[in-house]
Amino acid sequence: MEMKLSTSEREELRKLQKNLCGSSDYARVTCLLMLDKGHTPSAVSGCLGIDAALKKHPDAPVIYIISDNARYYHNRDLREWAEGRK
């Protein structure tokens, strides 16, 4: 998966990230910047705690990860990765 932001978009997101430190929106901006840097959806999902939940509850028939309706959660590659899990 490739996500490339323009230089101006990246700069704006970095400014926003600094201003959002400590808020729930901080994670959203950070994930977008991680995808832009070339991190895989697996790496990003690890940051979101999905892998930890799967390890903690390996026998659970379903694991619900509750998230807001942020755009990066709707990423096709991230959805495909999640579908391959429990």
C-alpha atoms as a PDB file:
ATOM      1  CA  MET A   1       0.000   0.000   0.000  1.00  0.00           C
ATOM      2  CA  GLU A   2       1.265   3.413  -0.813  1.00  0.00           C
ATOM      3  CA  MET A   3       0.007   6.636   0.608  1.00  0.00           C
ATOM      4  CA  LYS A   4       1.824   9.759  -0.426  1.00  0.00           C
ATOM      5  CA  LEU A   5       1.055  13.166   0.941  1.00  0.00           C
ATOM      6  CA  SER A   6       2.243  16.333  -0.687  1.00  0.00           C
ATOM      7  CA  THR A   7       4.905  18.299   1.164  1.00  0.00           C
ATOM      8  CA  SER A   8       2.358  20.923   2.187  1.00  0.00           C
ATOM      9  CA  GLU A   9      -0.098  18.290   3.440  1.00  0.00           C
ATOM     10  CA  ARG A  10       2.653  16.614   5.452  1.00  0.00           C
ATOM     11  CA  GLU A  11       3.738  19.915   6.988  1.00  0.00           C
ATOM     12  CA  GLU A  12       0.166  20.798   7.923  1.00  0.00           C
ATOM     13  CA  LEU A  13      -0.380  17.397   9.516  1.00  0.00           C
ATOM     14  CA  ARG A  14       2.834  17.734  11.530  1.00  0.00           C
ATOM     15  CA  LYS A  15       1.722  21.137  12.816  1.00  0.00           C
ATOM     16  CA  LEU A  16      -1.682  19.701  13.653  1.00  0.00           C
ATOM     17  CA  GLN A  17      -0.056  16.737  15.377  1.00  0.00           C
ATOM     18  CA  LYS A  18       1.912  19.050  17.683  1.00  0.00           C
ATOM     19  CA  ASN A  19      -1.252  20.957  18.581  1.00  0.00           C
ATOM     20  CA  LEU A  20      -3.251  17.782  19.242  1.00  0.00           C
ATOM     21  CA  CYS A  21      -0.804  16.118  21.620  1.00  0.00           C
ATOM     22  CA  GLY A  22      -2.833  14.485  24.384  1.00  0.00           C
ATOM     23  CA  SER A  23      -6.112  14.386  22.458  1.00  0.00           C
ATOM     24  CA  SER A  24      -7.774  11.472  20.674  1.00  0.00           C
ATOM     25  CA  ASP A  25      -7.175  13.162  17.323  1.00  0.00           C
ATOM     26  CA  TYR A  26      -3.417  12.845  17.864  1.00  0.00           C
ATOM     27  CA  ALA A  27      -3.550   9.129  16.969  1.00  0.00           C
ATOM     28  CA  ARG A  28      -5.454   9.824  13.749  1.00  0.00           C
ATOM     29  CA  VAL A  29      -2.882  12.284  12.499  1.00  0.00           C
ATOM     30  CA  THR A  30      -0.008  10.077  13.621  1.00  0.00           C
ATOM     31  CA  CYS A  31      -1.413   7.097  11.692  1.00  0.00           C
ATOM     32  CA  LEU A  32      -1.738   9.135   8.526  1.00  0.00           C
ATOM     33  CA  LEU A  33       1.864  10.283   8.881  1.00  0.00           C
ATOM     34  CA  MET A  34       2.972   6.692   9.518  1.00  0.00           C
ATOM     35  CA  LEU A  35       1.256   5.469   6.350  1.00  0.00           C
ATOM     36  CA  ASP A  36       2.837   8.336   4.427  1.00  0.00           C
ATOM     37  CA  LYS A  37       6.281   7.304   5.724  1.00  0.00           C
ATOM     38  CA  GLY A  38       5.733   3.853   4.245  1.00  0.00           C
ATOM     39  CA  HIS A  39       4.709   1.902   7.332  1.00  0.00           C
ATOM     40  CA  THR A  40       2.593  -1.097   6.478  1.00  0.00           C
ATOM     41  CA  PRO A  41      -1.005  -1.456   7.618  1.00  0.00           C
ATOM     42  CA  SER A  42       0.291  -4.222   9.925  1.00  0.00           C
ATOM     43  CA  ALA A  43       2.653  -1.785  11.603  1.00  0.00           C
ATOM     44  CA  VAL A  44      -0.098   0.785  11.973  1.00  0.00           C
ATOM     45  CA  SER A  45      -2.507  -1.830  13.334  1.00  0.00           C
ATOM     46  CA  GLY A  46       0.134  -2.774  15.876  1.00  0.00           C
ATOM     47  CA  CYS A  47       0.150   0.809  17.044  1.00  0.00           C
ATOM     48  CA  LEU A  48      -3.631   0.688  17.338  1.00  0.00           C
ATOM     49  CA  GLY A  49      -3.428  -2.365  19.586  1.00  0.00           C
ATOM     50  CA  ILE A  50      -5.054  -4.875  17.257  1.00  0.00           C
ATOM     51  CA  ASP A  51      -2.173  -7.364  17.462  1.00  0.00           C
ATOM     52  CA  ALA A  52      -2.071  -7.081  21.258  1.00  0.00           C
ATOM     53  CA  ALA A  53      -5.810  -7.809  21.471  1.00  0.00           C
ATOM     54  CA  LEU A  54      -5.405 -10.903  19.278  1.00  0.00           C
ATOM     55  CA  LYS A  55      -2.537 -12.181  21.448  1.00  0.00           C
ATOM     56  CA  LYS A  56      -4.373 -11.472  24.683  1.00  0.00           C
ATOM     57  CA  HIS A  57      -7.564 -13.237  23.536  1.00  0.00           C
ATOM     58  CA  PRO A  58      -6.437 -15.933  21.046  1.00  0.00           C
ATOM     59  CA  ASP A  59      -9.506 -18.121  21.571  1.00  0.00           C
ATOM     60  CA  ALA A  60     -12.094 -15.393  21.366  1.00  0.00           C
ATOM     61  CA  PRO A  61     -14.495 -16.022  18.475  1.00  0.00           C
ATOM     62  CA  VAL A  62     -14.728 -12.284  17.805  1.00  0.00           C
ATOM     63  CA  ILE A  63     -12.638  -9.341  18.937  1.00  0.00           C
ATOM     64  CA  TYR A  64     -14.182  -5.930  18.588  1.00  0.00           C
ATOM     65  CA  ILE A  65     -11.863  -2.998  18.164  1.00  0.00           C
ATOM     66  CA  ILE A  66     -13.901   0.085  18.883  1.00  0.00           C
ATOM     67  CA  SER A  67     -12.777   3.099  16.956  1.00  0.00           C
ATOM     68  CA  ASP A  68     -14.152   6.392  15.882  1.00  0.00           C
ATOM     69  CA  ASN A  69     -15.069   6.891  12.242  1.00  0.00           C
ATOM     70  CA  ALA A  70     -11.621   8.105  11.232  1.00  0.00           C
ATOM     71  CA  ARG A  71     -10.698   7.888   7.577  1.00  0.00           C
ATOM     72  CA  TYR A  72      -7.653   5.664   8.088  1.00  0.00           C
ATOM     73  CA  TYR A  73      -9.801   2.891   9.596  1.00  0.00           C
ATOM     74  CA  HIS A  74     -11.516   2.606   6.217  1.00  0.00           C
ATOM     75  CA  ASN A  75      -8.270   2.036   4.347  1.00  0.00           C
ATOM     76  CA  ARG A  76      -8.748  -0.916   1.963  1.00  0.00           C
ATOM     77  CA  ASP A  77      -5.417  -2.563   2.798  1.00  0.00           C
ATOM     78  CA  LEU A  78      -6.010  -2.243   6.524  1.00  0.00           C
ATOM     79  CA  ARG A  79      -9.515  -3.758   6.112  1.00  0.00           C
ATOM     80  CA  GLU A  80      -8.101  -6.642   4.066  1.00  0.00           C
ATOM     81  CA  TRP A  81      -5.459  -7.266   6.724  1.00  0.00           C
ATOM     82  CA  ALA A  82      -8.110  -7.249   9.474  1.00  0.00           C
ATOM     83  CA  GLU A  83     -10.350  -9.664   7.547  1.00  0.00           C
ATOM     84  CA  GLY A  84      -7.516 -12.194   7.542  1.00  0.00           C
ATOM     85  CA  ARG A  85      -7.548 -12.148  11.354  1.00  0.00           C
ATOM     86  CA  LYS A  86     -10.194 -13.482  13.744  1.00  0.00           C
END
